[in-house]
PDB file of N, CA and C in Angstrom:
ATOM      1  N   PHE A   1      -9.458  -6.805  31.728  1.00  0.00           N
ATOM      2  CA  PHE A   1      -8.521  -6.284  32.681  1.00  0.00           C
ATOM      3  C   PHE A   1      -8.907  -4.870  33.063  1.00  0.00           C
ATOM      4  N   ILE A   2      -8.625  -4.536  34.295  1.00  0.00           N
ATOM      5  CA  ILE A   2      -8.915  -3.200  34.807  1.00  0.00           C
ATOM      6  C   ILE A   2      -7.635  -2.664  35.433  1.00  0.00           C
ATOM      7  N   GLY A   3      -7.182  -1.530  34.961  1.00  0.00           N
ATOM      8  CA  GLY A   3      -6.065  -0.842  35.586  1.00  0.00           C
ATOM      9  C   GLY A   3      -6.643   0.261  36.461  1.00  0.00           C
ATOM     10  N   TYR A   4      -6.137   0.381  37.672  1.00  0.00           N
ATOM     11  CA  TYR A   4      -6.690   1.398  38.573  1.00  0.00           C
ATOM     12  C   TYR A   4      -5.592   2.059  39.394  1.00  0.00           C
ATOM     13  N   VAL A   5      -5.908   3.249  39.873  1.00  0.00           N
ATOM     14  CA  VAL A   5      -5.024   3.973  40.788  1.00  0.00           C
ATOM     15  C   VAL A   5      -5.645   3.923  42.179  1.00  0.00           C
ATOM     16  N   ASP A   6      -4.857   4.224  43.197  1.00  0.00           N
ATOM     17  CA  ASP A   6      -5.337   4.140  44.580  1.00  0.00           C
ATOM     18  C   ASP A   6      -6.625   4.919  44.819  1.00  0.00           C
ATOM     19  N   ALA A   7      -6.808   6.015  44.105  1.00  0.00           N
ATOM     20  CA  ALA A   7      -8.005   6.839  44.296  1.00  0.00           C
ATOM     21  C   ALA A   7      -9.284   6.087  43.942  1.00  0.00           C
ATOM     22  N   ALA A   8      -9.175   4.988  43.193  1.00  0.00           N
ATOM     23  CA  ALA A   8     -10.353   4.204  42.810  1.00  0.00           C
ATOM     24  C   ALA A   8     -10.767   3.214  43.899  1.00  0.00           C
ATOM     25  N   MET A   9      -9.897   2.952  44.880  1.00  0.00           N
ATOM     26  CA  MET A   9     -10.203   1.951  45.904  1.00  0.00           C
ATOM     27  C   MET A   9     -11.505   2.243  46.661  1.00  0.00           C
ATOM     28  N   PRO A  10     -11.817   3.493  47.015  1.00  0.00           N
ATOM     29  CA  PRO A  10     -13.101   3.738  47.681  1.00  0.00           C
ATOM     30  C   PRO A  10     -14.308   3.292  46.830  1.00  0.00           C
ATOM     31  N   LEU A  11     -14.186   3.406  45.515  1.00  0.00           N
ATOM     32  CA  LEU A  11     -15.257   2.943  44.639  1.00  0.00           C
ATOM     33  C   LEU A  11     -15.390   1.423  44.729  1.00  0.00           C
ATOM     34  N   PHE A  12     -14.272   0.704  44.711  1.00  0.00           N
ATOM     35  CA  PHE A  12     -14.307  -0.751  44.858  1.00  0.00           C
ATOM     36  C   PHE A  12     -14.903  -1.150  46.201  1.00  0.00           C
ATOM     37  N   GLU A  13     -14.544  -0.410  47.246  1.00  0.00           N
ATOM     38  CA  GLU A  13     -15.079  -0.700  48.580  1.00  0.00           C
ATOM     39  C   GLU A  13     -16.576  -0.432  48.636  1.00  0.00           C
ATOM     40  N   LYS A  14     -17.003   0.661  48.059  1.00  0.00           N
ATOM     41  CA  LYS A  14     -18.416   1.043  48.077  1.00  0.00           C
ATOM     42  C   LYS A  14     -19.283   0.013  47.342  1.00  0.00           C
ATOM     43  N   THR A  15     -18.739  -0.564  46.282  1.00  0.00           N
ATOM     44  CA  THR A  15     -19.500  -1.554  45.514  1.00  0.00           C
ATOM     45  C   THR A  15     -19.366  -2.965  46.085  1.00  0.00           C
ATOM     46  N   GLY A  16     -18.517  -3.129  47.115  1.00  0.00           N
ATOM     47  CA  GLY A  16     -18.379  -4.426  47.766  1.00  0.00           C
ATOM     48  C   GLY A  16     -17.461  -5.403  47.055  1.00  0.00           C
ATOM     49  N   ILE A  17     -16.635  -4.919  46.145  1.00  0.00           N
ATOM     50  CA  ILE A  17     -15.753  -5.831  45.414  1.00  0.00           C
ATOM     51  C   ILE A  17     -14.290  -5.706  45.820  1.00  0.00           C
ATOM     52  N   ALA A  18     -13.968  -4.824  46.740  1.00  0.00           N
ATOM     53  CA  ALA A  18     -12.570  -4.574  47.109  1.00  0.00           C
ATOM     54  C   ALA A  18     -11.864  -5.831  47.606  1.00  0.00           C
ATOM     55  N   ASP A  19     -12.575  -6.709  48.284  1.00  0.00           N
ATOM     56  CA  ASP A  19     -11.956  -7.916  48.827  1.00  0.00           C
ATOM     57  C   ASP A  19     -11.895  -9.059  47.825  1.00  0.00           C
ATOM     58  N   SER A  20     -12.477  -8.880  46.650  1.00  0.00           N
ATOM     59  CA  SER A  20     -12.490  -9.974  45.680  1.00  0.00           C
ATOM     60  C   SER A  20     -11.783  -9.614  44.368  1.00  0.00           C
ATOM     61  N   LEU A  21     -10.932  -8.603  44.396  1.00  0.00           N
ATOM     62  CA  LEU A  21     -10.183  -8.236  43.197  1.00  0.00           C
ATOM     63  C   LEU A  21      -9.219  -9.363  42.856  1.00  0.00           C
ATOM     64  N   ASP A  22      -9.172  -9.742  41.585  1.00  0.00           N
ATOM     65  CA  ASP A  22      -8.299 -10.843  41.180  1.00  0.00           C
ATOM     66  C   ASP A  22      -7.154 -10.336  40.314  1.00  0.00           C
ATOM     67  N   GLY A  23      -6.449 -11.249  39.678  1.00  0.00           N
ATOM     68  CA  GLY A  23      -5.285 -10.897  38.880  1.00  0.00           C
ATOM     69  C   GLY A  23      -5.583 -10.041  37.670  1.00  0.00           C
ATOM     70  N   GLY A  24      -6.851  -9.892  37.323  1.00  0.00           N
ATOM     71  CA  GLY A  24      -7.231  -9.055  36.193  1.00  0.00           C
ATOM     72  C   GLY A  24      -7.424  -7.605  36.567  1.00  0.00           C
ATOM     73  N   VAL A  25      -7.289  -7.304  37.859  1.00  0.00           N
ATOM     74  CA  VAL A  25      -7.425  -5.939  38.350  1.00  0.00           C
ATOM     75  C   VAL A  25      -6.036  -5.517  38.824  1.00  0.00           C
ATOM     76  N   ILE A  26      -5.437  -4.596  38.099  1.00  0.00           N
ATOM     77  CA  ILE A  26      -4.026  -4.290  38.277  1.00  0.00           C
ATOM     78  C   ILE A  26      -3.829  -2.860  38.769  1.00  0.00           C
ATOM     79  N   ALA A  27      -3.147  -2.739  39.906  1.00  0.00           N
ATOM     80  CA  ALA A  27      -2.863  -1.418  40.472  1.00  0.00           C
ATOM     81  C   ALA A  27      -1.789  -0.724  39.639  1.00  0.00           C
ATOM     82  N   LEU A  28      -2.023   0.527  39.357  1.00  0.00           N
ATOM     83  CA  LEU A  28      -1.070   1.353  38.614  1.00  0.00           C
ATOM     84  C   LEU A  28      -0.607   2.465  39.542  1.00  0.00           C
ATOM     85  N   SER A  29       0.659   2.393  39.956  1.00  0.00           N
ATOM     86  CA  SER A  29       1.146   3.401  40.895  1.00  0.00           C
ATOM     87  C   SER A  29       1.922   4.520  40.213  1.00  0.00           C
ATOM     88  N   GLY A  30       2.131   4.384  38.911  1.00  0.00           N
ATOM     89  CA  GLY A  30       2.841   5.435  38.193  1.00  0.00           C
ATOM     90  C   GLY A  30       2.891   5.126  36.710  1.00  0.00           C
ATOM     91  N   PRO A  31       3.409   6.047  35.930  1.00  0.00           N
ATOM     92  CA  PRO A  31       3.453   5.880  34.474  1.00  0.00           C
ATOM     93  C   PRO A  31       4.190   4.622  34.013  1.00  0.00           C
ATOM     94  N   LYS A  32       5.202   4.197  34.743  1.00  0.00           N
ATOM     95  CA  LYS A  32       5.941   2.997  34.350  1.00  0.00           C
ATOM     96  C   LYS A  32       5.091   1.735  34.458  1.00  0.00           C
ATOM     97  N   ASP A  33       4.078   1.741  35.318  1.00  0.00           N
ATOM     98  CA  ASP A  33       3.206   0.571  35.479  1.00  0.00           C
ATOM     99  C   ASP A  33       2.311   0.356  34.269  1.00  0.00           C
ATOM    100  N   VAL A  34       2.112   1.370  33.477  1.00  0.00           N
ATOM    101  CA  VAL A  34       1.242   1.256  32.304  1.00  0.00           C
ATOM    102  C   VAL A  34       1.805   0.246  31.306  1.00  0.00           C
ATOM    103  N   THR A  35       3.120   0.201  31.165  1.00  0.00           N
ATOM    104  CA  THR A  35       3.740  -0.758  30.249  1.00  0.00           C
ATOM    105  C   THR A  35       3.418  -2.186  30.665  1.00  0.00           C
ATOM    106  N   GLY A  36       3.543  -2.486  31.946  1.00  0.00           N
ATOM    107  CA  GLY A  36       3.206  -3.817  32.444  1.00  0.00           C
ATOM    108  C   GLY A  36       1.740  -4.137  32.261  1.00  0.00           C
ATOM    109  N   PHE A  37       0.904  -3.136  32.462  1.00  0.00           N
ATOM    110  CA  PHE A  37      -0.539  -3.320  32.276  1.00  0.00           C
ATOM    111  C   PHE A  37      -0.841  -3.660  30.824  1.00  0.00           C
ATOM    112  N   LEU A  38      -0.238  -2.930  29.904  1.00  0.00           N
ATOM    113  CA  LEU A  38      -0.474  -3.198  28.483  1.00  0.00           C
ATOM    114  C   LEU A  38       0.048  -4.576  28.076  1.00  0.00           C
ATOM    115  N   THR A  39       1.128  -5.016  28.670  1.00  0.00           N
ATOM    116  CA  THR A  39       1.643  -6.356  28.409  1.00  0.00           C
ATOM    117  C   THR A  39       0.648  -7.405  28.903  1.00  0.00           C
ATOM    118  N   ALA A  40       0.056  -7.193  30.075  1.00  0.00           N
ATOM    119  CA  ALA A  40      -0.932  -8.119  30.624  1.00  0.00           C
ATOM    120  C   ALA A  40      -2.158  -8.209  29.721  1.00  0.00           C
ATOM    121  N   LEU A  41      -2.500  -7.129  29.053  1.00  0.00           N
ATOM    122  CA  LEU A  41      -3.650  -7.148  28.150  1.00  0.00           C
ATOM    123  C   LEU A  41      -3.452  -8.135  27.012  1.00  0.00           C
ATOM    124  N   GLY A  42      -2.205  -8.421  26.677  1.00  0.00           N
ATOM    125  CA  GLY A  42      -1.904  -9.369  25.619  1.00  0.00           C
ATOM    126  C   GLY A  42      -2.355 -10.777  25.937  1.00  0.00           C
ATOM    127  N   ALA A  43      -2.589 -11.085  27.199  1.00  0.00           N
ATOM    128  CA  ALA A  43      -3.051 -12.417  27.589  1.00  0.00           C
ATOM    129  C   ALA A  43      -4.489 -12.663  27.129  1.00  0.00           C
ATOM    130  N   LEU A  44      -5.228 -11.601  26.882  1.00  0.00           N
ATOM    131  CA  LEU A  44      -6.603 -11.621  26.397  1.00  0.00           C
ATOM    132  C   LEU A  44      -7.625 -12.224  27.340  1.00  0.00           C
ATOM    133  N   ARG A  45      -7.245 -13.179  28.140  1.00  0.00           N
ATOM    134  CA  ARG A  45      -8.167 -13.810  29.083  1.00  0.00           C
ATOM    135  C   ARG A  45      -7.478 -14.054  30.410  1.00  0.00           C
ATOM    136  N   LEU A  46      -8.265 -14.021  31.442  1.00  0.00           N
ATOM    137  CA  LEU A  46      -7.796 -14.435  32.746  1.00  0.00           C
ATOM    138  C   LEU A  46      -8.464 -15.779  32.999  1.00  0.00           C
ATOM    139  N   TRP A  47      -7.771 -16.848  32.655  1.00  0.00           N
ATOM    140  CA  TRP A  47      -8.355 -18.188  32.656  1.00  0.00           C
ATOM    141  C   TRP A  47      -8.907 -18.592  34.011  1.00  0.00           C
ATOM    142  N   ALA A  48      -8.376 -18.058  35.088  1.00  0.00           N
ATOM    143  CA  ALA A  48      -8.875 -18.416  36.418  1.00  0.00           C
ATOM    144  C   ALA A  48     -10.321 -17.990  36.611  1.00  0.00           C
ATOM    145  N   ARG A  49     -10.798 -17.034  35.829  1.00  0.00           N
ATOM    146  CA  ARG A  49     -12.197 -16.579  35.943  1.00  0.00           C
ATOM    147  C   ARG A  49     -13.167 -17.506  35.227  1.00  0.00           C
ATOM    148  N   GLU A  50     -12.709 -18.290  34.278  1.00  0.00           N
ATOM    149  CA  GLU A  50     -13.596 -19.103  33.450  1.00  0.00           C
ATOM    150  C   GLU A  50     -14.561 -19.975  34.244  1.00  0.00           C
ATOM    151  N   PRO A  51     -14.113 -20.714  35.281  1.00  0.00           N
ATOM    152  CA  PRO A  51     -15.052 -21.567  36.011  1.00  0.00           C
ATOM    153  C   PRO A  51     -16.168 -20.786  36.713  1.00  0.00           C
ATOM    154  N   LYS A  52     -15.977 -19.502  36.920  1.00  0.00           N
ATOM    155  CA  LYS A  52     -16.971 -18.684  37.620  1.00  0.00           C
ATOM    156  C   LYS A  52     -18.107 -18.244  36.703  1.00  0.00           C
ATOM    157  N   VAL A  53     -17.932 -18.388  35.400  1.00  0.00           N
ATOM    158  CA  VAL A  53     -18.943 -17.965  34.445  1.00  0.00           C
ATOM    159  C   VAL A  53     -19.904 -19.116  34.215  1.00  0.00           C
ATOM    160  N   LYS A  54     -21.171 -18.886  34.406  1.00  0.00           N
ATOM    161  CA  LYS A  54     -22.187 -19.914  34.192  1.00  0.00           C
ATOM    162  C   LYS A  54     -22.815 -19.672  32.845  1.00  0.00           C
ATOM    163  N   MET A  55     -22.422 -20.485  31.879  1.00  0.00           N
ATOM    164  CA  MET A  55     -22.870 -20.280  30.495  1.00  0.00           C
ATOM    165  C   MET A  55     -24.387 -20.388  30.362  1.00  0.00           C
ATOM    166  N   SER A  56     -25.033 -21.206  31.162  1.00  0.00           N
ATOM    167  CA  SER A  56     -26.489 -21.366  31.044  1.00  0.00           C
ATOM    168  C   SER A  56     -27.219 -20.054  31.323  1.00  0.00           C
ATOM    169  N   LYS A  57     -26.647 -19.187  32.141  1.00  0.00           N
ATOM    170  CA  LYS A  57     -27.279 -17.900  32.439  1.00  0.00           C
ATOM    171  C   LYS A  57     -27.063 -16.892  31.329  1.00  0.00           C
ATOM    172  N   LEU A  58     -26.109 -17.145  30.453  1.00  0.00           N
ATOM    173  CA  LEU A  58     -25.827 -16.210  29.373  1.00  0.00           C
ATOM    174  C   LEU A  58     -26.667 -16.496  28.142  1.00  0.00           C
ATOM    175  N   SER A  59     -27.244 -17.654  28.052  1.00  0.00           N
ATOM    176  CA  SER A  59     -28.030 -18.026  26.869  1.00  0.00           C
ATOM    177  C   SER A  59     -29.404 -17.439  26.912  1.00  0.00           C
TER     178      SER A  59
END
């Protein structure tokens, strides 16, 4: 999971990933959002990403 503030968006745009951010990339607009972010970390995995990983390339 990645927590980010608006100031990080230009970095996402520069690297070409701004349009493909998924549920594991969580905007933090203030200190209260950190609690929700930490709760999301408890999920440990973002299962929707699993099919995108090609295990043969990792071996």
